[in-house]
Amino acid sequence: MLLIHCPWCGDRDETEFHYGGQAHVDYPDSPADVDDAAWAEYLFVRDNPRGLFHERWTHSAGCRRWFNVVRDTATNEMHPEMPGKVAP
């Protein structure tokens, strides 16, 4: 079981949260001009690193706010995301 730190509510059990996927995924500049292969890649293809990974979470059973964290995928240790530091 993960203990997730909500920036607004503090530490809570993971059952109060929903995973929102990889953070910092840029929306296409002109979605109408993107072909099906590029659109599918935008929707479904994400990084899957071993180590630090930037993620989006929502506190769905609490304040309902979205926030980013950095999770170590090898240990599940979670860290607050630092402004200006984005995954490569």
Protein backbone atom coordinates (compact mmCIF):
# COMPACT_ATOMS: atom_id res chain seq x y z
CA MET A 1 0.00 0.00 0.00
CA LEU A 2 1.34 3.44 -0.93
CA LEU A 3 1.18 6.46 1.31
CA ILE A 4 0.69 9.47 -0.96
CA HIS A 5 1.30 13.04 0.15
CA CYS A 6 -1.42 15.41 -1.07
CA PRO A 7 -0.03 18.97 -1.11
CA TRP A 8 -3.33 20.23 0.34
CA CYS A 9 -4.50 17.40 2.66
CA GLY A 10 -1.27 15.77 3.80
CA ASP A 11 -0.39 12.06 3.84
CA ARG A 12 -3.22 9.73 2.84
CA ASP A 13 -3.69 6.09 1.82
CA GLU A 14 -3.47 5.36 -1.90
CA THR A 15 -7.11 4.20 -1.97
CA GLU A 16 -8.11 7.89 -1.80
CA PHE A 17 -6.32 8.67 -5.08
CA HIS A 18 -6.54 7.92 -8.79
CA TYR A 19 -3.52 7.68 -11.04
CA GLY A 20 -3.57 10.14 -13.93
CA GLY A 21 -0.65 8.88 -15.98
CA GLN A 22 2.65 10.37 -17.03
CA ALA A 23 3.09 14.07 -16.26
CA HIS A 24 4.30 16.66 -18.76
CA VAL A 25 2.83 15.08 -21.91
CA ASP A 26 2.36 17.88 -24.41
CA TYR A 27 -0.97 18.10 -26.25
CA PRO A 28 -0.49 18.31 -30.04
CA ASP A 29 -0.39 21.91 -31.31
CA SER A 30 -2.92 21.21 -34.05
CA PRO A 31 -4.87 18.02 -33.23
CA ALA A 32 -6.97 18.23 -36.42
CA ASP A 33 -3.80 17.95 -38.51
CA VAL A 34 -2.35 14.93 -36.69
CA ASP A 35 -2.60 11.60 -38.51
CA ASP A 36 -4.01 8.49 -36.82
CA ALA A 37 -0.60 6.99 -36.00
CA ALA A 38 0.63 10.18 -34.31
CA TRP A 39 -2.67 10.57 -32.44
CA ALA A 40 -2.50 6.96 -31.21
CA GLU A 41 1.06 7.55 -30.02
CA TYR A 42 -0.05 10.67 -28.12
CA LEU A 43 -2.91 8.76 -26.46
CA PHE A 44 -1.28 5.43 -25.65
CA VAL A 45 2.53 5.52 -25.75
CA ARG A 46 4.20 6.53 -22.50
CA ASP A 47 7.63 6.14 -20.95
CA ASN A 48 8.14 3.14 -18.67
CA PRO A 49 11.44 3.78 -16.88
CA ARG A 50 13.02 1.98 -14.00
CA GLY A 51 13.71 4.76 -11.53
CA LEU A 52 12.32 8.27 -11.18
CA PHE A 53 9.13 8.97 -13.12
CA HIS A 54 6.94 12.12 -13.14
CA GLU A 55 3.26 11.25 -12.61
CA ARG A 56 -0.14 12.95 -12.24
CA TRP A 57 -2.45 12.00 -9.37
CA THR A 58 -5.84 13.25 -8.21
CA HIS A 59 -7.08 13.13 -4.62
CA SER A 60 -10.48 11.82 -5.66
CA ALA A 61 -11.72 10.95 -2.15
CA GLY A 62 -10.44 14.20 -0.64
CA CYS A 63 -9.88 17.68 -2.05
CA ARG A 64 -10.27 16.42 -5.67
CA ARG A 65 -7.24 18.40 -6.83
CA TRP A 66 -4.65 17.25 -9.36
CA PHE A 67 -0.94 17.33 -8.57
CA ASN A 68 2.36 15.95 -9.83
CA VAL A 69 4.75 13.68 -7.95
CA VAL A 70 8.01 11.94 -8.78
CA ARG A 71 7.78 8.22 -8.04
CA ASP A 72 10.68 5.80 -8.06
CA THR A 73 9.25 2.87 -10.03
CA ALA A 74 11.79 0.47 -8.51
CA THR A 75 10.89 1.23 -4.87
CA ASN A 76 7.51 3.07 -5.13
CA GLU A 77 8.99 5.87 -3.01
CA MET A 78 7.21 9.13 -3.82
CA HIS A 79 8.72 12.62 -3.79
CA PRO A 80 7.07 16.00 -4.39
CA GLU A 81 7.80 17.38 -7.81
CA MET A 82 10.20 20.31 -7.69
CA PRO A 83 9.31 23.33 -9.89
CA GLY A 84 11.49 23.57 -12.97
CA LYS A 85 12.69 19.96 -12.75
CA VAL A 86 11.10 17.85 -15.48
CA ALA A 87 11.90 14.27 -16.46
CA PRO A 88 14.17 13.97 -19.51
